[in-house]
N, C-alpha and C. Protein backbone atom coordinates (compact mmCIF):
# COMPACT_ATOMS: atom_id res chain seq x y z
N MET A 1 61.16 -25.53 45.82
CA MET A 1 61.45 -25.48 44.42
C MET A 1 60.55 -24.45 43.76
N SER A 2 61.13 -23.62 42.95
CA SER A 2 60.36 -22.56 42.32
C SER A 2 59.97 -22.98 40.91
N ASN A 3 58.88 -22.45 40.49
CA ASN A 3 58.35 -22.75 39.15
C ASN A 3 59.13 -21.93 38.14
N PRO A 4 59.71 -22.59 37.12
CA PRO A 4 60.49 -21.83 36.16
C PRO A 4 59.62 -20.92 35.30
N PHE A 5 58.29 -21.23 35.23
CA PHE A 5 57.42 -20.39 34.40
C PHE A 5 56.75 -19.29 35.22
N HIS A 6 57.08 -19.20 36.47
CA HIS A 6 56.48 -18.18 37.32
C HIS A 6 57.10 -16.84 37.01
N ASP A 7 56.23 -15.95 36.57
CA ASP A 7 56.69 -14.61 36.21
C ASP A 7 55.80 -13.63 36.95
N PRO A 8 56.37 -12.83 37.83
CA PRO A 8 55.54 -11.91 38.62
C PRO A 8 54.80 -10.90 37.76
N GLY A 9 55.39 -10.44 36.65
CA GLY A 9 54.71 -9.46 35.77
C GLY A 9 53.49 -10.08 35.09
N ALA A 10 53.64 -11.33 34.62
CA ALA A 10 52.52 -12.02 33.96
C ALA A 10 51.43 -12.30 34.97
N ALA A 11 51.80 -12.68 36.19
CA ALA A 11 50.80 -12.95 37.22
C ALA A 11 50.01 -11.69 37.55
N LYS A 12 50.69 -10.55 37.60
CA LYS A 12 50.03 -9.28 37.90
C LYS A 12 49.05 -8.92 36.77
N LEU A 13 49.49 -9.09 35.49
CA LEU A 13 48.61 -8.80 34.35
C LEU A 13 47.40 -9.75 34.33
N LEU A 14 47.63 -11.02 34.63
CA LEU A 14 46.54 -11.99 34.66
C LEU A 14 45.52 -11.62 35.74
N SER A 15 45.97 -11.15 36.84
CA SER A 15 45.08 -10.72 37.91
C SER A 15 44.24 -9.52 37.46
N LYS A 16 44.87 -8.58 36.77
CA LYS A 16 44.14 -7.40 36.26
C LYS A 16 43.09 -7.83 35.24
N VAL A 17 43.46 -8.75 34.34
CA VAL A 17 42.51 -9.23 33.32
C VAL A 17 41.33 -9.92 34.01
N ARG A 18 41.61 -10.73 35.03
CA ARG A 18 40.54 -11.40 35.76
C ARG A 18 39.58 -10.37 36.37
N GLU A 19 40.11 -9.31 36.95
CA GLU A 19 39.27 -8.25 37.53
C GLU A 19 38.45 -7.55 36.44
N ASP A 20 39.09 -7.28 35.30
CA ASP A 20 38.38 -6.62 34.20
C ASP A 20 37.23 -7.49 33.68
N ILE A 21 37.49 -8.80 33.58
CA ILE A 21 36.43 -9.70 33.10
C ILE A 21 35.28 -9.73 34.11
N THR A 22 35.59 -9.73 35.38
CA THR A 22 34.55 -9.71 36.42
C THR A 22 33.75 -8.42 36.33
N ASP A 23 34.45 -7.28 36.15
CA ASP A 23 33.75 -6.00 36.01
C ASP A 23 32.89 -5.99 34.74
N LEU A 24 33.42 -6.55 33.67
CA LEU A 24 32.67 -6.59 32.41
C LEU A 24 31.40 -7.43 32.57
N ARG A 25 31.51 -8.58 33.24
CA ARG A 25 30.32 -9.40 33.49
C ARG A 25 29.28 -8.62 34.28
N GLY A 26 29.71 -7.93 35.27
CA GLY A 26 28.79 -7.13 36.09
C GLY A 26 28.13 -6.03 35.26
N ASP A 27 28.92 -5.35 34.43
CA ASP A 27 28.37 -4.28 33.60
C ASP A 27 27.38 -4.82 32.57
N VAL A 28 27.69 -5.98 31.97
CA VAL A 28 26.76 -6.59 31.01
C VAL A 28 25.47 -6.97 31.72
N HIS A 29 25.58 -7.52 32.91
CA HIS A 29 24.37 -7.87 33.67
C HIS A 29 23.53 -6.63 33.97
N LYS A 30 24.19 -5.55 34.40
CA LYS A 30 23.47 -4.31 34.68
C LYS A 30 22.81 -3.76 33.41
N LEU A 31 23.52 -3.82 32.28
CA LEU A 31 22.97 -3.34 31.01
C LEU A 31 21.74 -4.13 30.60
N LEU A 32 21.83 -5.44 30.67
CA LEU A 32 20.68 -6.27 30.30
C LEU A 32 19.49 -6.03 31.23
N THR A 33 19.76 -5.91 32.52
CA THR A 33 18.69 -5.66 33.48
C THR A 33 18.01 -4.33 33.20
N TYR A 34 18.81 -3.29 33.01
CA TYR A 34 18.25 -1.95 32.75
C TYR A 34 17.45 -1.94 31.44
N THR A 35 18.02 -2.61 30.41
CA THR A 35 17.35 -2.63 29.11
C THR A 35 16.00 -3.33 29.20
N THR A 36 15.95 -4.48 29.87
CA THR A 36 14.69 -5.22 29.93
C THR A 36 13.67 -4.56 30.85
N ARG A 37 14.13 -3.86 31.87
CA ARG A 37 13.18 -3.24 32.80
C ARG A 37 12.71 -1.85 32.38
N TYR A 38 13.57 -1.09 31.72
CA TYR A 38 13.22 0.30 31.44
C TYR A 38 13.19 0.64 29.94
N THR A 39 14.24 0.31 29.23
CA THR A 39 14.35 0.75 27.84
C THR A 39 13.31 0.10 26.94
N LEU A 40 13.18 -1.22 27.00
CA LEU A 40 12.21 -1.91 26.14
C LEU A 40 10.76 -1.51 26.44
N PRO A 41 10.34 -1.49 27.69
CA PRO A 41 8.96 -1.06 27.94
C PRO A 41 8.69 0.39 27.50
N LYS A 42 9.67 1.26 27.72
CA LYS A 42 9.50 2.65 27.29
C LYS A 42 9.38 2.72 25.77
N GLY A 43 10.24 1.98 25.06
CA GLY A 43 10.17 1.96 23.60
C GLY A 43 8.85 1.38 23.11
N ALA A 44 8.36 0.34 23.78
CA ALA A 44 7.08 -0.26 23.39
C ALA A 44 5.94 0.73 23.61
N ARG A 45 5.99 1.47 24.71
CA ARG A 45 4.95 2.49 24.95
C ARG A 45 4.99 3.58 23.89
N GLU A 46 6.19 4.01 23.53
CA GLU A 46 6.32 5.04 22.49
C GLU A 46 5.83 4.52 21.14
N LEU A 47 6.16 3.28 20.82
CA LEU A 47 5.70 2.67 19.58
C LEU A 47 4.18 2.55 19.56
N ALA A 48 3.60 2.13 20.68
CA ALA A 48 2.14 2.02 20.77
C ALA A 48 1.49 3.40 20.63
N GLY A 49 2.10 4.40 21.23
CA GLY A 49 1.57 5.76 21.10
C GLY A 49 1.63 6.25 19.67
N THR A 50 2.73 5.97 18.99
CA THR A 50 2.85 6.36 17.59
C THR A 50 1.81 5.66 16.73
N ALA A 51 1.62 4.37 16.98
CA ALA A 51 0.60 3.61 16.22
C ALA A 51 -0.79 4.15 16.50
N ARG A 52 -1.09 4.44 17.76
CA ARG A 52 -2.40 4.99 18.12
C ARG A 52 -2.62 6.34 17.43
N HIS A 53 -1.60 7.17 17.44
CA HIS A 53 -1.69 8.48 16.79
C HIS A 53 -1.93 8.32 15.29
N GLY A 54 -1.22 7.38 14.67
CA GLY A 54 -1.40 7.12 13.23
C GLY A 54 -2.81 6.63 12.92
N LEU A 55 -3.33 5.74 13.77
CA LEU A 55 -4.70 5.24 13.56
C LEU A 55 -5.73 6.35 13.71
N LEU A 56 -5.53 7.21 14.69
CA LEU A 56 -6.47 8.32 14.87
C LEU A 56 -6.42 9.27 13.68
N ASN A 57 -5.22 9.55 13.18
CA ASN A 57 -5.10 10.41 12.00
C ASN A 57 -5.76 9.77 10.79
N SER A 58 -5.58 8.46 10.63
CA SER A 58 -6.20 7.75 9.51
C SER A 58 -7.71 7.78 9.62
N ARG A 59 -8.22 7.61 10.83
CA ARG A 59 -9.67 7.66 11.05
C ARG A 59 -10.21 9.04 10.70
N ASP A 60 -9.53 10.08 11.14
CA ASP A 60 -9.98 11.43 10.83
C ASP A 60 -9.94 11.71 9.33
N TYR A 61 -8.89 11.23 8.67
CA TYR A 61 -8.77 11.42 7.22
C TYR A 61 -9.90 10.69 6.48
N ALA A 62 -10.19 9.46 6.89
CA ALA A 62 -11.26 8.69 6.25
C ALA A 62 -12.61 9.37 6.46
N ALA A 63 -12.84 9.87 7.67
CA ALA A 63 -14.10 10.56 7.94
C ALA A 63 -14.22 11.82 7.09
N GLN A 64 -13.13 12.56 6.96
CA GLN A 64 -13.14 13.77 6.13
C GLN A 64 -13.41 13.43 4.68
N GLN A 65 -12.80 12.36 4.18
CA GLN A 65 -13.03 11.96 2.79
C GLN A 65 -14.48 11.53 2.57
N LEU A 66 -15.06 10.83 3.54
CA LEU A 66 -16.47 10.43 3.42
C LEU A 66 -17.39 11.65 3.44
N ARG A 67 -17.07 12.63 4.29
CA ARG A 67 -17.88 13.85 4.32
C ARG A 67 -17.79 14.59 2.99
N SER A 68 -16.58 14.69 2.45
CA SER A 68 -16.42 15.40 1.17
C SER A 68 -17.08 14.62 0.04
N LEU A 69 -17.09 13.30 0.14
CA LEU A 69 -17.78 12.49 -0.87
C LEU A 69 -19.28 12.73 -0.80
N GLY A 70 -19.80 12.89 0.41
CA GLY A 70 -21.24 13.16 0.57
C GLY A 70 -21.64 14.50 -0.04
N THR A 71 -20.78 15.49 0.06
CA THR A 71 -21.13 16.80 -0.49
C THR A 71 -20.91 16.86 -1.99
N SER A 72 -20.00 16.02 -2.50
CA SER A 72 -19.75 16.07 -3.94
C SER A 72 -20.53 14.99 -4.69
N ALA A 73 -21.31 14.19 -3.99
CA ALA A 73 -22.06 13.10 -4.64
C ALA A 73 -23.03 13.61 -5.70
N PRO A 74 -23.81 14.68 -5.46
CA PRO A 74 -24.71 15.14 -6.52
C PRO A 74 -23.96 15.57 -7.79
N ARG A 75 -22.82 16.23 -7.63
CA ARG A 75 -22.04 16.63 -8.81
C ARG A 75 -21.51 15.40 -9.54
N GLN A 76 -21.05 14.42 -8.78
CA GLN A 76 -20.54 13.21 -9.40
C GLN A 76 -21.66 12.44 -10.10
N ALA A 77 -22.85 12.40 -9.48
CA ALA A 77 -23.98 11.71 -10.09
C ALA A 77 -24.37 12.40 -11.39
N PHE A 78 -24.37 13.72 -11.40
CA PHE A 78 -24.69 14.45 -12.62
C PHE A 78 -23.67 14.15 -13.71
N GLY A 79 -22.40 14.11 -13.34
CA GLY A 79 -21.35 13.79 -14.30
C GLY A 79 -21.52 12.39 -14.87
N LEU A 80 -21.86 11.44 -14.00
CA LEU A 80 -22.08 10.07 -14.48
C LEU A 80 -23.28 10.00 -15.42
N LEU A 81 -24.36 10.68 -15.07
CA LEU A 81 -25.54 10.68 -15.94
C LEU A 81 -25.25 11.33 -17.28
N ALA A 82 -24.54 12.44 -17.25
CA ALA A 82 -24.19 13.12 -18.50
C ALA A 82 -23.29 12.23 -19.36
N GLY A 83 -22.34 11.57 -18.73
CA GLY A 83 -21.46 10.65 -19.46
C GLY A 83 -22.24 9.49 -20.06
N ALA A 84 -23.18 8.95 -19.30
CA ALA A 84 -23.98 7.84 -19.81
C ALA A 84 -24.85 8.30 -20.98
N ALA A 85 -25.39 9.52 -20.89
CA ALA A 85 -26.22 10.05 -21.99
C ALA A 85 -25.38 10.23 -23.25
N ILE A 86 -24.18 10.74 -23.10
CA ILE A 86 -23.30 10.93 -24.26
C ILE A 86 -22.95 9.59 -24.90
N VAL A 87 -22.63 8.61 -24.07
CA VAL A 87 -22.31 7.28 -24.60
C VAL A 87 -23.53 6.69 -25.30
N GLY A 88 -24.72 6.89 -24.72
CA GLY A 88 -25.95 6.40 -25.35
C GLY A 88 -26.20 7.05 -26.70
N LEU A 89 -26.00 8.35 -26.79
CA LEU A 89 -26.18 9.05 -28.06
C LEU A 89 -25.18 8.56 -29.11
N LEU A 90 -23.94 8.38 -28.69
CA LEU A 90 -22.94 7.85 -29.63
C LEU A 90 -23.31 6.44 -30.10
N ALA A 91 -23.77 5.62 -29.19
CA ALA A 91 -24.17 4.26 -29.56
C ALA A 91 -25.34 4.29 -30.53
N ALA A 92 -26.32 5.16 -30.28
CA ALA A 92 -27.47 5.27 -31.17
C ALA A 92 -27.03 5.74 -32.55
N GLY A 93 -26.09 6.67 -32.61
CA GLY A 93 -25.59 7.15 -33.90
C GLY A 93 -24.86 6.05 -34.65
N VAL A 94 -24.04 5.29 -33.96
CA VAL A 94 -23.31 4.19 -34.61
C VAL A 94 -24.30 3.14 -35.09
N TYR A 95 -25.31 2.85 -34.29
CA TYR A 95 -26.33 1.86 -34.68
C TYR A 95 -27.07 2.35 -35.93
N ALA A 96 -27.45 3.63 -35.95
CA ALA A 96 -28.17 4.17 -37.10
C ALA A 96 -27.33 4.10 -38.37
N LEU A 97 -26.03 4.45 -38.24
CA LEU A 97 -25.14 4.36 -39.40
C LEU A 97 -24.99 2.92 -39.88
N ALA A 98 -24.81 2.02 -38.97
CA ALA A 98 -24.64 0.62 -39.34
C ALA A 98 -25.91 0.08 -39.98
N LYS A 99 -27.06 0.46 -39.43
CA LYS A 99 -28.33 -0.02 -39.96
C LYS A 99 -28.57 0.55 -41.36
N SER A 100 -28.26 1.82 -41.56
CA SER A 100 -28.49 2.42 -42.87
C SER A 100 -27.57 1.78 -43.92
N ASP A 101 -26.32 1.50 -43.58
CA ASP A 101 -25.40 0.82 -44.50
C ASP A 101 -25.90 -0.59 -44.80
N CYS A 102 -26.37 -1.26 -43.78
CA CYS A 102 -26.87 -2.62 -43.95
C CYS A 102 -28.11 -2.62 -44.84
N CYS A 103 -29.02 -1.67 -44.57
CA CYS A 103 -30.26 -1.59 -45.35
C CYS A 103 -29.95 -1.23 -46.81
N ARG A 104 -29.01 -0.32 -47.01
CA ARG A 104 -28.61 0.05 -48.36
C ARG A 104 -28.05 -1.15 -49.12
N ALA A 105 -27.20 -1.90 -48.44
CA ALA A 105 -26.61 -3.09 -49.06
C ALA A 105 -27.69 -4.12 -49.36
N ALA A 106 -28.65 -4.29 -48.43
CA ALA A 106 -29.72 -5.25 -48.66
C ALA A 106 -30.59 -4.81 -49.83
N ARG A 107 -30.90 -3.51 -49.93
CA ARG A 107 -31.71 -3.00 -51.05
C ARG A 107 -30.97 -3.20 -52.37
N ARG A 108 -29.67 -2.97 -52.35
CA ARG A 108 -28.88 -3.14 -53.57
C ARG A 108 -28.93 -4.61 -54.03
N ILE A 109 -28.81 -5.53 -53.08
CA ILE A 109 -28.88 -6.95 -53.41
C ILE A 109 -30.26 -7.30 -53.96
N GLU A 110 -31.31 -6.75 -53.31
CA GLU A 110 -32.68 -7.01 -53.80
C GLU A 110 -32.85 -6.44 -55.20
N ASP A 111 -32.33 -5.24 -55.43
CA ASP A 111 -32.45 -4.63 -56.76
C ASP A 111 -31.72 -5.48 -57.80
N GLU A 112 -30.55 -6.00 -57.44
CA GLU A 112 -29.79 -6.83 -58.38
C GLU A 112 -30.55 -8.14 -58.67
N GLU A 113 -31.13 -8.71 -57.61
CA GLU A 113 -31.91 -9.95 -57.81
C GLU A 113 -33.13 -9.70 -58.67
N GLU A 114 -33.81 -8.57 -58.47
CA GLU A 114 -34.97 -8.21 -59.26
C GLU A 114 -34.58 -7.99 -60.71
N ALA A 115 -33.44 -7.35 -60.89
CA ALA A 115 -32.96 -7.09 -62.25
C ALA A 115 -32.64 -8.39 -62.96
N GLU A 116 -32.10 -9.34 -62.23
CA GLU A 116 -31.79 -10.64 -62.83
C GLU A 116 -33.08 -11.39 -63.21
N GLU A 117 -34.08 -11.26 -62.32
CA GLU A 117 -35.34 -11.93 -62.59
C GLU A 117 -36.01 -11.33 -63.82
N LEU A 118 -35.92 -10.02 -63.92
CA LEU A 118 -36.54 -9.34 -65.06
C LEU A 118 -35.67 -9.45 -66.31
N GLY A 119 -34.44 -9.85 -66.12
CA GLY A 119 -33.53 -10.00 -67.26
C GLY A 119 -32.90 -8.70 -67.70
N ILE A 120 -32.80 -7.79 -66.86
CA ILE A 120 -32.22 -6.48 -67.21
C ILE A 120 -30.73 -6.53 -67.07
């Protein structure tokens, strides 16, 4: 008795699909193996090299900035001292003005009190 659903064309296509799936599994296995053994370690080495290079460049830049800071420190110190002196002079001027206004106002009050006492 023959199977009414038996179709030689469908059986042939199913066989081809089965072979393709087997080949695909093999190719995926090869891809994963190659990636884990060669591609990832190579990429990690390249990444580590890039990071090392960046750290060395940063170290050199920091050292250069420290050297330039050492040579410009006297100029910066002079600038800071000059700035502090200017601020000090301005503060002394403001204090003198405030004190003179305060003293003038106090003298005026004393004069008014004296005038009241004398009845002027």
